[in-house]
Protein backbone atom coordinates (compact mmCIF):
# COMPACT_ATOMS: atom_id res chain seq x y z
CA MET A 1 -3.30 25.57 34.54
CA ARG A 2 -1.61 24.52 38.01
CA PHE A 3 -1.79 20.85 37.51
CA LEU A 4 0.28 21.14 35.21
CA ALA A 5 3.02 23.27 36.79
CA PHE A 6 2.92 20.86 39.84
CA PHE A 7 3.30 18.49 37.15
CA PHE A 8 6.29 19.52 35.36
CA ASP A 9 7.95 20.97 39.07
CA LEU A 10 7.57 17.08 39.92
CA LEU A 11 10.06 15.66 36.53
CA GLU A 12 11.74 19.11 36.67
CA PRO A 13 15.18 16.69 38.82
CA ILE A 14 15.35 14.36 36.26
CA PHE A 15 15.74 16.80 33.79
CA ARG A 16 18.23 18.06 35.82
CA LEU A 17 19.92 14.83 36.72
CA GLY A 18 20.23 14.08 32.69
CA GLN A 19 21.14 17.57 31.15
CA LYS A 20 24.14 16.75 34.87
CA TRP A 21 24.75 13.20 33.15
CA LEU A 22 24.18 13.22 29.45
CA GLY A 23 25.18 17.42 28.98
CA LEU A 24 23.35 20.04 27.12
CA SER A 25 23.52 18.48 23.47
CA ARG A 26 22.04 15.54 24.46
CA LEU A 27 19.45 15.52 26.72
CA GLY A 28 17.05 15.33 23.54
CA TRP A 29 17.51 11.39 23.60
CA LEU A 30 15.83 12.04 26.95
CA PHE A 31 12.33 13.17 25.83
CA VAL A 32 12.08 10.42 22.75
CA ALA A 33 13.42 7.78 25.05
CA PRO A 34 9.74 6.97 25.33
CA ASN A 35 9.10 7.01 21.57
CA LEU A 36 11.93 4.81 20.99
CA LEU A 37 11.41 2.53 22.90
CA VAL A 38 8.25 1.62 21.55
CA ILE A 39 9.90 1.79 18.10
CA SER A 40 12.56 -0.54 19.34
CA VAL A 41 9.72 -3.39 20.42
CA PHE A 42 7.32 -3.10 18.36
CA THR A 43 9.28 -2.77 15.39
CA PHE A 44 13.01 -3.74 15.41
CA LEU A 45 12.50 -6.61 17.46
CA PRO A 46 9.24 -8.10 15.13
CA ILE A 47 12.40 -8.00 12.22
CA LEU A 48 14.81 -9.46 14.85
CA ILE A 49 12.55 -12.29 15.25
CA ASN A 50 11.35 -12.95 11.22
CA ILE A 51 14.59 -13.11 10.42
CA VAL A 52 15.19 -16.30 13.69
CA TYR A 53 12.18 -17.79 11.70
CA ALA A 54 13.14 -17.43 8.21
CA THR A 55 16.72 -18.99 9.55
CA THR A 56 15.07 -22.13 11.13
CA GLY A 57 12.80 -24.88 10.58
CA GLY A 58 10.91 -27.35 11.68
CA VAL A 59 6.99 -26.50 12.80
CA ASN A 60 7.09 -25.45 16.25
CA LEU A 61 6.68 -22.36 17.63
CA PHE A 62 8.81 -20.94 19.81
CA PRO A 63 11.72 -20.12 18.58
CA PHE A 64 14.49 -22.18 21.11
CA GLN A 65 12.37 -24.65 19.93
CA ARG A 66 13.48 -24.61 15.78
CA PRO A 67 17.15 -25.63 14.62
CA PHE A 68 19.06 -23.06 12.60
CA THR A 69 18.94 -23.81 8.82
CA GLY A 70 20.77 -20.66 7.71
CA ALA A 71 19.55 -20.46 3.70
CA GLU A 72 17.28 -23.26 3.47
CA ASN A 73 14.15 -21.23 3.30
CA PHE A 74 14.85 -19.30 1.08
CA GLN A 75 16.12 -21.90 -1.61
CA ILE A 76 12.84 -23.55 -1.40
CA LEU A 77 11.15 -20.71 -1.96
CA PHE A 78 13.44 -19.31 -5.03
CA GLU A 79 14.26 -22.57 -6.11
CA CYS A 80 13.45 -23.59 -9.55
CA THR A 81 13.87 -25.45 -13.14
CA ASN A 82 12.41 -22.57 -15.23
CA TYR A 83 11.49 -19.38 -14.13
CA LEU A 84 9.45 -19.19 -17.07
CA ASP A 85 7.78 -21.68 -16.58
CA LEU A 86 6.45 -21.52 -13.17
CA SER A 87 4.82 -25.39 -12.92
CA THR A 88 8.81 -25.94 -12.51
CA CYS A 89 9.27 -24.05 -9.16
CA ARG A 90 9.20 -26.73 -6.08
CA LYS A 91 6.69 -23.59 -4.32
CA ASP A 92 4.55 -22.63 -7.48
CA VAL A 93 2.27 -21.20 -5.89
CA PHE A 94 4.48 -18.42 -4.28
CA TRP A 95 5.31 -17.69 -7.44
CA ARG A 96 1.95 -17.77 -9.17
CA ALA A 97 1.29 -15.09 -6.32
CA ILE A 98 4.46 -12.64 -7.81
CA ALA A 99 3.31 -13.16 -10.65
CA ASN A 100 -0.50 -12.11 -9.32
CA THR A 101 0.72 -9.67 -7.84
CA LEU A 102 3.14 -7.81 -10.39
CA LYS A 103 0.30 -8.16 -12.63
CA PHE A 104 -2.61 -6.71 -9.95
CA SER A 105 0.62 -4.01 -9.53
CA GLY A 106 0.88 -2.38 -12.47
CA LEU A 107 -3.18 -2.22 -14.00
CA GLN A 108 -4.57 -1.27 -10.37
CA VAL A 109 -1.30 1.59 -10.10
CA GLY A 110 -1.05 2.49 -13.95
CA LEU A 111 -5.63 3.54 -13.52
CA MET A 112 -4.72 4.13 -9.99
CA VAL A 113 -3.05 6.96 -10.90
CA LEU A 114 -3.99 7.54 -14.04
CA LEU A 115 -8.55 8.31 -12.40
CA SER A 116 -7.03 10.64 -9.57
CA LEU A 117 -5.26 12.40 -11.45
CA VAL A 118 -7.98 13.15 -14.01
CA THR A 119 -10.59 12.93 -10.60
CA ALA A 120 -8.03 15.92 -9.35
CA LEU A 121 -7.66 18.10 -12.11
CA VAL A 122 -11.71 17.62 -12.19
CA LEU A 123 -12.33 18.43 -8.31
CA ASN A 124 -10.44 21.63 -8.58
CA ARG A 125 -11.76 23.54 -11.32
CA LYS A 126 -15.01 25.80 -11.02
CA ILE A 127 -17.92 22.76 -11.07
CA MET A 128 -21.09 23.10 -9.57
CA GLY A 129 -21.07 21.24 -5.82
CA ARG A 130 -17.88 21.30 -5.22
CA GLY A 131 -17.22 19.91 -2.32
CA PHE A 132 -20.38 18.20 -2.12
CA TRP A 133 -18.57 15.77 -5.04
CA ARG A 134 -14.98 15.84 -2.92
CA GLY A 135 -17.20 14.79 -0.82
CA VAL A 136 -18.57 11.65 -2.05
CA PHE A 137 -14.59 10.76 -3.83
CA PHE A 138 -13.50 10.35 -0.41
CA TYR A 139 -15.83 8.77 1.61
CA PRO A 140 -14.57 5.41 0.70
CA VAL A 141 -11.59 6.00 2.07
CA LEU A 142 -13.39 6.23 5.57
CA LEU A 143 -14.20 2.56 5.20
CA SER A 144 -12.49 -0.07 6.94
CA PRO A 145 -11.32 -2.44 3.97
CA VAL A 146 -13.65 -5.33 5.19
CA VAL A 147 -16.35 -3.92 4.97
CA VAL A 148 -15.51 -1.81 1.74
CA ALA A 149 -15.44 -6.00 0.39
CA LEU A 150 -17.90 -6.76 2.82
CA ILE A 151 -20.12 -4.26 0.24
CA TRP A 152 -19.11 -5.73 -3.02
CA LYS A 153 -19.27 -9.30 -2.44
CA TRP A 154 -23.34 -8.68 -1.89
CA LEU A 155 -22.76 -6.65 -5.25
CA LEU A 156 -20.59 -9.56 -7.23
CA GLN A 157 -21.84 -12.92 -5.29
CA ASN A 158 -23.74 -15.51 -7.11
CA GLN A 159 -27.73 -14.25 -5.79
CA GLY A 160 -26.27 -10.87 -5.29
CA VAL A 161 -28.00 -7.79 -6.19
CA PHE A 162 -26.00 -7.09 -9.77
CA ASN A 163 -27.03 -10.79 -11.20
CA ALA A 164 -30.71 -10.26 -10.04
CA SER A 165 -30.49 -7.34 -12.32
CA LEU A 166 -30.21 -9.24 -14.10
CA VAL A 167 -32.00 -11.88 -14.12
CA ALA A 168 -34.60 -8.83 -13.96
CA MET A 169 -34.24 -8.05 -17.44
CA ASN A 170 -34.19 -11.41 -18.81
CA MET A 171 -30.68 -11.80 -19.16
CA PRO A 172 -27.45 -15.29 -17.79
CA PRO A 173 -26.34 -14.38 -14.27
CA ILE A 174 -22.25 -14.14 -14.34
CA GLU A 175 -20.33 -15.36 -11.69
CA TRP A 176 -18.35 -12.38 -11.04
CA LEU A 177 -16.22 -14.04 -8.64
CA THR A 178 -15.50 -17.48 -9.48
CA ASP A 179 -14.67 -16.49 -12.46
CA ALA A 180 -11.56 -15.88 -12.53
CA GLY A 181 -10.85 -13.17 -15.43
CA TRP A 182 -13.53 -11.90 -13.42
CA ALA A 183 -12.56 -12.01 -10.45
CA PHE A 184 -9.42 -10.31 -11.43
CA PHE A 185 -10.85 -7.31 -12.87
CA TRP A 186 -12.95 -7.50 -9.47
CA ALA A 187 -10.18 -7.19 -7.17
CA VAL A 188 -8.35 -4.51 -8.75
CA PHE A 189 -11.87 -2.41 -9.60
CA VAL A 190 -13.33 -2.61 -6.24
CA SER A 191 -9.06 -1.24 -4.91
CA ILE A 192 -9.65 1.42 -6.82
CA TRP A 193 -12.16 2.66 -6.11
CA ALA A 194 -11.31 2.34 -2.05
CA HIS A 195 -8.31 4.17 -1.91
CA MET A 196 -8.38 6.75 -5.40
CA GLY A 197 -10.39 9.50 -2.97
CA PHE A 198 -7.14 9.28 -0.98
CA TYR A 199 -4.71 9.52 -3.69
CA THR A 200 -6.88 12.50 -5.27
CA LEU A 201 -6.21 14.46 -2.68
CA ILE A 202 -2.71 14.51 -2.38
CA LEU A 203 -3.36 16.05 -6.17
CA LEU A 204 -5.98 18.17 -6.09
CA ALA A 205 -3.72 19.83 -2.52
CA GLY A 206 -0.33 19.69 -5.44
CA LEU A 207 -2.73 21.17 -7.97
CA GLN A 208 -4.43 23.74 -5.49
CA ALA A 209 0.23 24.02 -4.61
CA ILE A 210 0.40 25.72 -8.34
CA PRO A 211 0.02 29.72 -8.57
CA ASN A 212 -3.27 30.87 -10.47
CA ASP A 213 -0.83 33.95 -12.16
CA LEU A 214 1.22 31.17 -14.94
CA TYR A 215 -3.01 29.84 -15.92
CA GLU A 216 -3.17 33.40 -16.18
CA ALA A 217 0.00 33.53 -18.40
CA ALA A 218 -0.91 31.00 -19.98
CA GLU A 219 -4.18 31.83 -21.04
CA MET A 220 -2.77 35.33 -22.49
CA ASP A 221 0.19 34.23 -23.85
CA ARG A 222 -3.29 31.81 -26.14
CA ALA A 223 -1.61 27.94 -24.99
CA SER A 224 -4.26 25.49 -25.63
CA PRO A 225 -5.09 23.36 -22.45
CA TRP A 226 -3.45 20.46 -23.59
CA ARG A 227 0.34 22.85 -24.05
CA THR A 228 -1.19 23.93 -20.38
CA LEU A 229 -1.70 20.88 -18.47
CA THR A 230 1.86 19.18 -20.44
CA ARG A 231 3.43 22.50 -19.90
CA ILE A 232 2.55 24.43 -16.53
CA THR A 233 0.31 21.42 -14.75
CA LEU A 234 1.92 18.20 -14.80
CA PRO A 235 5.46 19.91 -14.45
CA LEU A 236 4.23 21.31 -10.95
CA LEU A 237 2.50 18.39 -9.68
CA MET A 238 5.30 15.83 -10.56
CA PRO A 239 6.27 15.78 -6.95
CA ASN A 240 2.81 14.43 -5.89
CA LEU A 241 2.90 12.25 -8.83
CA ILE A 242 6.02 10.64 -7.56
CA VAL A 243 4.28 10.25 -4.23
CA VAL A 244 1.11 9.32 -5.27
CA LEU A 245 2.67 6.30 -7.56
CA VAL A 246 5.25 4.99 -5.40
CA LEU A 247 2.34 4.38 -2.18
CA ALA A 248 -0.34 2.95 -4.92
CA ALA A 249 2.95 1.17 -5.88
CA ILE A 250 3.09 0.13 -1.58
CA ARG A 251 -0.13 -0.24 -1.46
CA ALA A 252 -0.54 -2.63 -4.14
CA VAL A 253 2.09 -4.67 -3.35
CA GLN A 254 0.66 -5.11 -0.01
CA VAL A 255 -3.28 -6.09 -0.37
CA PHE A 256 -4.10 -7.99 1.28
CA ASP A 257 -7.47 -7.84 3.34
CA GLU A 258 -9.59 -6.12 1.12
CA VAL A 259 -8.82 -9.72 -1.65
CA PHE A 260 -9.13 -12.19 0.53
CA VAL A 261 -12.61 -11.13 1.87
CA LEU A 262 -14.17 -10.48 -1.63
CA THR A 263 -12.64 -14.77 -3.21
CA GLY A 264 -10.46 -15.62 -0.77
CA GLY A 265 -7.36 -15.98 -3.31
CA GLY A 266 -9.89 -17.83 -5.79
CA PRO A 267 -11.38 -19.13 -7.67
CA GLY A 268 -7.81 -21.63 -7.55
CA SER A 269 -5.15 -18.73 -7.51
CA ALA A 270 -6.75 -16.63 -9.81
CA THR A 271 -6.42 -13.67 -7.02
CA THR A 272 -3.29 -15.23 -4.47
CA PHE A 273 -1.81 -12.06 -3.36
CA ILE A 274 1.83 -12.56 -1.74
CA VAL A 275 1.04 -11.57 1.68
CA GLN A 276 -2.12 -13.96 1.41
CA PHE A 277 -0.02 -16.63 0.24
CA ILE A 278 2.49 -15.41 3.35
CA TYR A 279 -0.63 -15.76 5.63
CA GLN A 280 -1.27 -19.07 3.88
CA THR A 281 1.57 -20.70 4.97
CA GLY A 282 1.88 -19.26 8.38
CA PHE A 283 -1.00 -19.88 10.11
CA ALA A 284 -4.17 -20.45 7.94
CA GLU A 285 -2.56 -24.69 6.41
CA GLN A 286 -3.13 -27.67 8.62
CA ILE A 287 0.86 -27.55 8.89
CA HIS A 288 2.37 -24.41 10.22
CA LEU A 289 5.57 -22.77 7.69
CA TYR A 290 6.69 -20.65 10.15
CA GLY A 291 9.76 -20.35 8.39
CA LEU A 292 9.16 -20.11 4.75
CA ALA A 293 6.48 -17.59 6.55
CA ALA A 294 8.36 -15.74 7.44
CA ALA A 295 11.43 -15.81 4.72
CA ALA A 296 8.90 -14.92 2.44
CA SER A 297 7.87 -11.76 4.32
CA LEU A 298 11.93 -10.87 3.84
CA ALA A 299 11.94 -10.39 0.38
CA LEU A 300 8.81 -9.14 0.09
CA ALA A 301 10.42 -6.62 3.09
CA ALA A 302 13.17 -5.91 0.62
CA PHE A 303 11.39 -5.26 -2.19
CA LEU A 304 9.70 -2.28 -0.66
CA VAL A 305 12.98 -0.85 0.32
CA VAL A 306 14.32 -0.57 -3.28
CA LEU A 307 10.76 1.47 -4.32
CA THR A 308 10.37 3.13 -0.66
CA LEU A 309 13.99 3.80 -2.15
CA ALA A 310 13.54 4.72 -5.45
CA GLN A 311 10.52 7.40 -3.89
CA LEU A 312 13.32 9.05 -2.69
CA ARG A 313 15.78 8.92 -5.65
CA LEU A 314 12.92 10.39 -8.11
CA THR A 315 11.49 12.49 -5.10
CA ARG A 316 15.33 14.11 -5.52
CA ALA A 317 15.65 14.27 -8.83
CA SER A 318 12.14 15.93 -9.77
CA GLU A 319 13.65 18.97 -7.23
CA ALA A 320 16.29 19.54 -8.41
CA GLY A 321 15.25 19.42 -12.01
CA GLN A 322 12.83 22.03 -10.83
CA LYS A 323 15.01 24.61 -8.28
CA GLY A 324 17.70 23.50 -12.30
CA ARG A 325 15.15 25.64 -14.01
């Protein structure tokens, strides 16, 4: 305690000087200045650098060595003769990555929300070992995405556990990760398995915030379980559902680490998503096209901003609807 008192006594002249220069109403800026500095260096500055790379060309790493090209990188990415035929696009891999990302996001987010809701409804009931099952469903969230992918890769590879089990039952092995259809399926499955516990926890918190009096009144009115679910649970859980939906969509669009370790984007480009395209274009390929990768990342950032604004709009609309009832 004496040390803390001595420490704050040393800072008191600085605060007095800040109050004298800034005034009492603007003194708060002095306290948030270190945080603003960190955010500026590690958030806003990289965004500006990324914009510089997106508007320059060449293969040089340093910005002052790169010629200004304006919107040329964006033109290369979005140049297509027929957008319904990806082979007519100048960067067809980019559009295949977008198509894969949209397909993945639709399947993964839809199943994620549905399974998380069902799991939260079950775990909210008085079942035996409820605390244990909550821990079981949340445990994968604590694992690193790379660890999750390595575990499932060990199970799914050609000489893995699943194929060993099939061979033991006199069944032919299946190319889980080298067949395009199966690889995409397992990319969706592993992503859901790894993150479902987090969204289940959000929905479970929303369920526990619903007053029990409403369910008791519905029981007295002899309302069916389906009517109770659709008229009480889901409307009151809607703010949490919107948060889960948008957060899951944002995470699905940015999927990379699990799928990259699990399938490497293959077979072919079957599981190549937009973030992996950015990584390969800027760092993995023999010729590093930093400008093209930066332009693709800005396009992805714009899409994420749209999703975030949609979340805010839906959340406000949901809150306004609840207040109007």
